[in-house]
Amino acid sequence: MKLQLNGAPIEADSATLSDLLVAQGYGEARVATAVNGAFVPATMRATHTLNDGDQVEVLAPMQGG
């Protein structure tokens, strides 16, 4: 299926957001996620089904001041 990940087109076989994060190398990293502009909490990633054309954003926290 074709997705947008952080604005870049990708081809993925991941059924859920959790599967996509693992496949893209995020694994258990602490990140914030959104699909089609809607926040998806970490507790919902394993059950959040992805669809062709979804826009996925993955944001890592930044340190510094």
PDB file of N, CA and C in Angstrom:
ATOM      1  N   MET A   1       0.838  -1.169   0.000  1.00  0.00           N
ATOM      2  CA  MET A   1       0.000   0.000   0.000  1.00  0.00           C
ATOM      3  C   MET A   1       0.884   1.233   0.000  1.00  0.00           C
ATOM      4  N   LYS A   2       0.392   2.307  -0.566  1.00  0.00           N
ATOM      5  CA  LYS A   2       1.141   3.557  -0.635  1.00  0.00           C
ATOM      6  C   LYS A   2       0.728   4.460   0.519  1.00  0.00           C
ATOM      7  N   LEU A   3       1.730   4.959   1.228  1.00  0.00           N
ATOM      8  CA  LEU A   3       1.518   5.864   2.362  1.00  0.00           C
ATOM      9  C   LEU A   3       2.420   7.072   2.204  1.00  0.00           C
ATOM     10  N   GLN A   4       2.151   8.093   2.996  1.00  0.00           N
ATOM     11  CA  GLN A   4       3.062   9.222   3.147  1.00  0.00           C
ATOM     12  C   GLN A   4       3.595   9.129   4.568  1.00  0.00           C
ATOM     13  N   LEU A   5       4.909   9.089   4.730  1.00  0.00           N
ATOM     14  CA  LEU A   5       5.524   9.046   6.049  1.00  0.00           C
ATOM     15  C   LEU A   5       6.365  10.297   6.204  1.00  0.00           C
ATOM     16  N   ASN A   6       5.944  11.165   7.097  1.00  0.00           N
ATOM     17  CA  ASN A   6       6.613  12.454   7.305  1.00  0.00           C
ATOM     18  C   ASN A   6       6.786  13.199   5.980  1.00  0.00           C
ATOM     19  N   GLY A   7       5.756  13.137   5.149  1.00  0.00           N
ATOM     20  CA  GLY A   7       5.743  13.870   3.895  1.00  0.00           C
ATOM     21  C   GLY A   7       6.391  13.179   2.716  1.00  0.00           C
ATOM     22  N   ALA A   8       7.007  12.020   2.943  1.00  0.00           N
ATOM     23  CA  ALA A   8       7.676  11.294   1.860  1.00  0.00           C
ATOM     24  C   ALA A   8       6.853  10.060   1.473  1.00  0.00           C
ATOM     25  N   PRO A   9       6.676   9.819   0.188  1.00  0.00           N
ATOM     26  CA  PRO A   9       5.927   8.633  -0.229  1.00  0.00           C
ATOM     27  C   PRO A   9       6.717   7.360   0.057  1.00  0.00           C
ATOM     28  N   ILE A  10       6.023   6.352   0.579  1.00  0.00           N
ATOM     29  CA  ILE A  10       6.631   5.047   0.828  1.00  0.00           C
ATOM     30  C   ILE A  10       5.660   3.959   0.388  1.00  0.00           C
ATOM     31  N   GLU A  11       6.196   2.778   0.183  1.00  0.00           N
ATOM     32  CA  GLU A  11       5.395   1.581  -0.089  1.00  0.00           C
ATOM     33  C   GLU A  11       5.536   0.704   1.154  1.00  0.00           C
ATOM     34  N   ALA A  12       4.421   0.284   1.746  1.00  0.00           N
ATOM     35  CA  ALA A  12       4.470  -0.485   2.986  1.00  0.00           C
ATOM     36  C   ALA A  12       3.483  -1.640   2.948  1.00  0.00           C
ATOM     37  N   ASP A  13       3.834  -2.708   3.659  1.00  0.00           N
ATOM     38  CA  ASP A  13       2.951  -3.862   3.803  1.00  0.00           C
ATOM     39  C   ASP A  13       2.408  -3.966   5.227  1.00  0.00           C
ATOM     40  N   SER A  14       2.533  -2.906   5.992  1.00  0.00           N
ATOM     41  CA  SER A  14       2.145  -2.915   7.402  1.00  0.00           C
ATOM     42  C   SER A  14       0.637  -2.719   7.548  1.00  0.00           C
ATOM     43  N   ALA A  15       0.018  -3.589   8.331  1.00  0.00           N
ATOM     44  CA  ALA A  15      -1.427  -3.510   8.536  1.00  0.00           C
ATOM     45  C   ALA A  15      -1.801  -2.474   9.589  1.00  0.00           C
ATOM     46  N   THR A  16      -0.915  -2.290  10.583  1.00  0.00           N
ATOM     47  CA  THR A  16      -1.224  -1.356  11.669  1.00  0.00           C
ATOM     48  C   THR A  16      -0.119  -0.316  11.806  1.00  0.00           C
ATOM     49  N   LEU A  17      -0.432   0.728  12.534  1.00  0.00           N
ATOM     50  CA  LEU A  17       0.553   1.771  12.786  1.00  0.00           C
ATOM     51  C   LEU A  17       1.747   1.207  13.544  1.00  0.00           C
ATOM     52  N   SER A  18       1.501   0.332  14.488  1.00  0.00           N
ATOM     53  CA  SER A  18       2.583  -0.293  15.243  1.00  0.00           C
ATOM     54  C   SER A  18       3.512  -1.082  14.323  1.00  0.00           C
ATOM     55  N   ASP A  19       2.940  -1.855  13.409  1.00  0.00           N
ATOM     56  CA  ASP A  19       3.736  -2.621  12.445  1.00  0.00           C
ATOM     57  C   ASP A  19       4.590  -1.690  11.585  1.00  0.00           C
ATOM     58  N   LEU A  20       4.010  -0.575  11.161  1.00  0.00           N
ATOM     59  CA  LEU A  20       4.740   0.378  10.330  1.00  0.00           C
ATOM     60  C   LEU A  20       5.926   0.966  11.088  1.00  0.00           C
ATOM     61  N   LEU A  21       5.723   1.317  12.345  1.00  0.00           N
ATOM     62  CA  LEU A  21       6.815   1.894  13.136  1.00  0.00           C
ATOM     63  C   LEU A  21       7.977   0.915  13.263  1.00  0.00           C
ATOM     64  N   VAL A  22       7.674  -0.352  13.496  1.00  0.00           N
ATOM     65  CA  VAL A  22       8.726  -1.363  13.594  1.00  0.00           C
ATOM     66  C   VAL A  22       9.434  -1.506  12.252  1.00  0.00           C
ATOM     67  N   ALA A  23       8.664  -1.595  11.175  1.00  0.00           N
ATOM     68  CA  ALA A  23       9.244  -1.779   9.838  1.00  0.00           C
ATOM     69  C   ALA A  23      10.113  -0.596   9.418  1.00  0.00           C
ATOM     70  N   GLN A  24       9.800   0.603   9.913  1.00  0.00           N
ATOM     71  CA  GLN A  24      10.549   1.794   9.540  1.00  0.00           C
ATOM     72  C   GLN A  24      11.686   2.103  10.519  1.00  0.00           C
ATOM     73  N   GLY A  25      11.918   1.208  11.481  1.00  0.00           N
ATOM     74  CA  GLY A  25      13.056   1.354  12.377  1.00  0.00           C
ATOM     75  C   GLY A  25      12.796   2.148  13.640  1.00  0.00           C
ATOM     76  N   TYR A  26      11.546   2.458  13.924  1.00  0.00           N
ATOM     77  CA  TYR A  26      11.244   3.196  15.152  1.00  0.00           C
ATOM     78  C   TYR A  26      11.109   2.273  16.344  1.00  0.00           C
ATOM     79  N   GLY A  27      10.746   1.023  16.113  1.00  0.00           N
ATOM     80  CA  GLY A  27      10.647   0.027  17.178  1.00  0.00           C
ATOM     81  C   GLY A  27       9.922   0.546  18.399  1.00  0.00           C
ATOM     82  N   GLU A  28      10.606   0.525  19.520  1.00  0.00           N
ATOM     83  CA  GLU A  28      10.021   0.982  20.784  1.00  0.00           C
ATOM     84  C   GLU A  28      10.422   2.417  21.117  1.00  0.00           C
ATOM     85  N   ALA A  29      10.865   3.174  20.136  1.00  0.00           N
ATOM     86  CA  ALA A  29      11.274   4.562  20.375  1.00  0.00           C
ATOM     87  C   ALA A  29      10.103   5.386  20.903  1.00  0.00           C
ATOM     88  N   ARG A  30      10.411   6.348  21.730  1.00  0.00           N
ATOM     89  CA  ARG A  30       9.384   7.255  22.246  1.00  0.00           C
ATOM     90  C   ARG A  30       9.125   8.330  21.209  1.00  0.00           C
ATOM     91  N   VAL A  31       8.014   8.194  20.533  1.00  0.00           N
ATOM     92  CA  VAL A  31       7.649   9.134  19.479  1.00  0.00           C
ATOM     93  C   VAL A  31       6.168   9.466  19.608  1.00  0.00           C
ATOM     94  N   ALA A  32       5.780  10.573  19.020  1.00  0.00           N
ATOM     95  CA  ALA A  32       4.367  10.929  18.893  1.00  0.00           C
ATOM     96  C   ALA A  32       3.951  10.582  17.474  1.00  0.00           C
ATOM     97  N   THR A  33       2.726  10.103  17.315  1.00  0.00           N
ATOM     98  CA  THR A  33       2.262   9.699  15.997  1.00  0.00           C
ATOM     99  C   THR A  33       0.904  10.306  15.674  1.00  0.00           C
ATOM    100  N   ALA A  34       0.712  10.566  14.380  1.00  0.00           N
ATOM    101  CA  ALA A  34      -0.574  11.037  13.880  1.00  0.00           C
ATOM    102  C   ALA A  34      -0.833  10.384  12.532  1.00  0.00           C
ATOM    103  N   VAL A  35      -2.087  10.096  12.266  1.00  0.00           N
ATOM    104  CA  VAL A  35      -2.491   9.558  10.967  1.00  0.00           C
ATOM    105  C   VAL A  35      -3.579  10.474  10.420  1.00  0.00           C
ATOM    106  N   ASN A  36      -3.331  11.001   9.237  1.00  0.00           N
ATOM    107  CA  ASN A  36      -4.263  11.925   8.585  1.00  0.00           C
ATOM    108  C   ASN A  36      -4.611  13.113   9.485  1.00  0.00           C
ATOM    109  N   GLY A  37      -3.592  13.575  10.222  1.00  0.00           N
ATOM    110  CA  GLY A  37      -3.756  14.753  11.068  1.00  0.00           C
ATOM    111  C   GLY A  37      -4.349  14.491  12.435  1.00  0.00           C
ATOM    112  N   ALA A  38      -4.714  13.264  12.746  1.00  0.00           N
ATOM    113  CA  ALA A  38      -5.297  12.929  14.046  1.00  0.00           C
ATOM    114  C   ALA A  38      -4.274  12.188  14.898  1.00  0.00           C
ATOM    115  N   PHE A  39      -4.040  12.698  16.104  1.00  0.00           N
ATOM    116  CA  PHE A  39      -3.106  12.088  17.047  1.00  0.00           C
ATOM    117  C   PHE A  39      -3.521  10.649  17.341  1.00  0.00           C
ATOM    118  N   VAL A  40      -2.539   9.729  17.344  1.00  0.00           N
ATOM    119  CA  VAL A  40      -2.782   8.334  17.713  1.00  0.00           C
ATOM    120  C   VAL A  40      -1.887   8.019  18.909  1.00  0.00           C
ATOM    121  N   PRO A  41      -2.478   7.841  20.100  1.00  0.00           N
ATOM    122  CA  PRO A  41      -1.665   7.545  21.275  1.00  0.00           C
ATOM    123  C   PRO A  41      -0.979   6.191  21.162  1.00  0.00           C
ATOM    124  N   ALA A  42       0.124   6.035  21.880  1.00  0.00           N
ATOM    125  CA  ALA A  42       0.905   4.798  21.838  1.00  0.00           C
ATOM    126  C   ALA A  42       0.046   3.580  22.161  1.00  0.00           C
ATOM    127  N   THR A  43      -0.905   3.724  23.052  1.00  0.00           N
ATOM    128  CA  THR A  43      -1.750   2.597  23.447  1.00  0.00           C
ATOM    129  C   THR A  43      -2.698   2.138  22.343  1.00  0.00           C
ATOM    130  N   MET A  44      -2.886   2.951  21.309  1.00  0.00           N
ATOM    131  CA  MET A  44      -3.815   2.624  20.227  1.00  0.00           C
ATOM    132  C   MET A  44      -3.108   2.213  18.934  1.00  0.00           C
ATOM    133  N   ARG A  45      -1.790   2.273  18.889  1.00  0.00           N
ATOM    134  CA  ARG A  45      -1.052   2.003  17.645  1.00  0.00           C
ATOM    135  C   ARG A  45      -1.217   0.578  17.145  1.00  0.00           C
ATOM    136  N   ALA A  46      -1.271  -0.394  18.041  1.00  0.00           N
ATOM    137  CA  ALA A  46      -1.376  -1.800  17.639  1.00  0.00           C
ATOM    138  C   ALA A  46      -2.725  -2.112  16.994  1.00  0.00           C
ATOM    139  N   THR A  47      -3.740  -1.322  17.291  1.00  0.00           N
ATOM    140  CA  THR A  47      -5.072  -1.572  16.743  1.00  0.00           C
ATOM    141  C   THR A  47      -5.471  -0.555  15.675  1.00  0.00           C
ATOM    142  N   HIS A  48      -4.623   0.441  15.435  1.00  0.00           N
ATOM    143  CA  HIS A  48      -4.947   1.457  14.425  1.00  0.00           C
ATOM    144  C   HIS A  48      -4.575   0.922  13.036  1.00  0.00           C
ATOM    145  N   THR A  49      -5.578   0.571  12.270  1.00  0.00           N
ATOM    146  CA  THR A  49      -5.389   0.016  10.930  1.00  0.00           C
ATOM    147  C   THR A  49      -5.039   1.111   9.940  1.00  0.00           C
ATOM    148  N   LEU A  50      -4.067   0.826   9.089  1.00  0.00           N
ATOM    149  CA  LEU A  50      -3.675   1.773   8.048  1.00  0.00           C
ATOM    150  C   LEU A  50      -4.389   1.453   6.742  1.00  0.00           C
ATOM    151  N   ASN A  51      -4.645   2.495   5.958  1.00  0.00           N
ATOM    152  CA  ASN A  51      -5.295   2.350   4.663  1.00  0.00           C
ATOM    153  C   ASN A  51      -4.440   2.996   3.584  1.00  0.00           C
ATOM    154  N   ASP A  52      -4.591   2.510   2.374  1.00  0.00           N
ATOM    155  CA  ASP A  52      -3.866   3.074   1.243  1.00  0.00           C
ATOM    156  C   ASP A  52      -4.098   4.583   1.178  1.00  0.00           C
ATOM    157  N   GLY A  53      -3.012   5.334   1.060  1.00  0.00           N
ATOM    158  CA  GLY A  53      -3.099   6.782   0.957  1.00  0.00           C
ATOM    159  C   GLY A  53      -3.021   7.534   2.277  1.00  0.00           C
ATOM    160  N   ASP A  54      -2.960   6.818   3.398  1.00  0.00           N
ATOM    161  CA  ASP A  54      -2.868   7.495   4.695  1.00  0.00           C
ATOM    162  C   ASP A  54      -1.601   8.332   4.786  1.00  0.00           C
ATOM    163  N   GLN A  55      -1.712   9.430   5.524  1.00  0.00           N
ATOM    164  CA  GLN A  55      -0.567  10.294   5.790  1.00  0.00           C
ATOM    165  C   GLN A  55      -0.179  10.108   7.249  1.00  0.00           C
ATOM    166  N   VAL A  56       1.022   9.573   7.460  1.00  0.00           N
ATOM    167  CA  VAL A  56       1.504   9.248   8.800  1.00  0.00           C
ATOM    168  C   VAL A  56       2.619  10.220   9.176  1.00  0.00           C
ATOM    169  N   GLU A  57       2.523  10.780  10.370  1.00  0.00           N
ATOM    170  CA  GLU A  57       3.569  11.653  10.899  1.00  0.00           C
ATOM    171  C   GLU A  57       4.140  11.006  12.158  1.00  0.00           C
ATOM    172  N   VAL A  58       5.459  10.972  12.243  1.00  0.00           N
ATOM    173  CA  VAL A  58       6.158  10.442  13.419  1.00  0.00           C
ATOM    174  C   VAL A  58       7.102  11.538  13.900  1.00  0.00           C
ATOM    175  N   LEU A  59       6.908  11.974  15.137  1.00  0.00           N
ATOM    176  CA  LEU A  59       7.703  13.063  15.698  1.00  0.00           C
ATOM    177  C   LEU A  59       8.435  12.597  16.940  1.00  0.00           C
ATOM    178  N   ALA A  60       9.750  12.809  16.972  1.00  0.00           N
ATOM    179  CA  ALA A  60      10.560  12.460  18.126  1.00  0.00           C
ATOM    180  C   ALA A  60      10.741  13.712  18.987  1.00  0.00           C
ATOM    181  N   PRO A  61      10.743  13.537  20.316  1.00  0.00           N
ATOM    182  CA  PRO A  61      10.963  14.695  21.188  1.00  0.00           C
ATOM    183  C   PRO A  61      12.372  15.245  21.007  1.00  0.00           C
ATOM    184  N   MET A  62      12.492  16.556  21.152  1.00  0.00           N
ATOM    185  CA  MET A  62      13.799  17.210  21.022  1.00  0.00           C
ATOM    186  C   MET A  62      14.263  17.666  22.390  1.00  0.00           C
ATOM    187  N   GLN A  63      15.562  17.552  22.616  1.00  0.00           N
ATOM    188  CA  GLN A  63      16.141  18.026  23.865  1.00  0.00           C
ATOM    189  C   GLN A  63      16.839  19.348  23.624  1.00  0.00           C
ATOM    190  N   GLY A  64      17.016  20.066  24.677  1.00  0.00           N
ATOM    191  CA  GLY A  64      17.729  21.328  24.545  1.00  0.00           C
ATOM    192  C   GLY A  64      16.929  22.470  25.124  1.00  0.00           C
ATOM    193  N   GLY A  65      17.468  23.623  25.016  1.00  0.00           N
ATOM    194  CA  GLY A  65      16.741  24.716  25.618  1.00  0.00           C
ATOM    195  C   GLY A  65      17.032  25.986  25.022  1.00  0.00           C
TER     196      GLY A  65
END
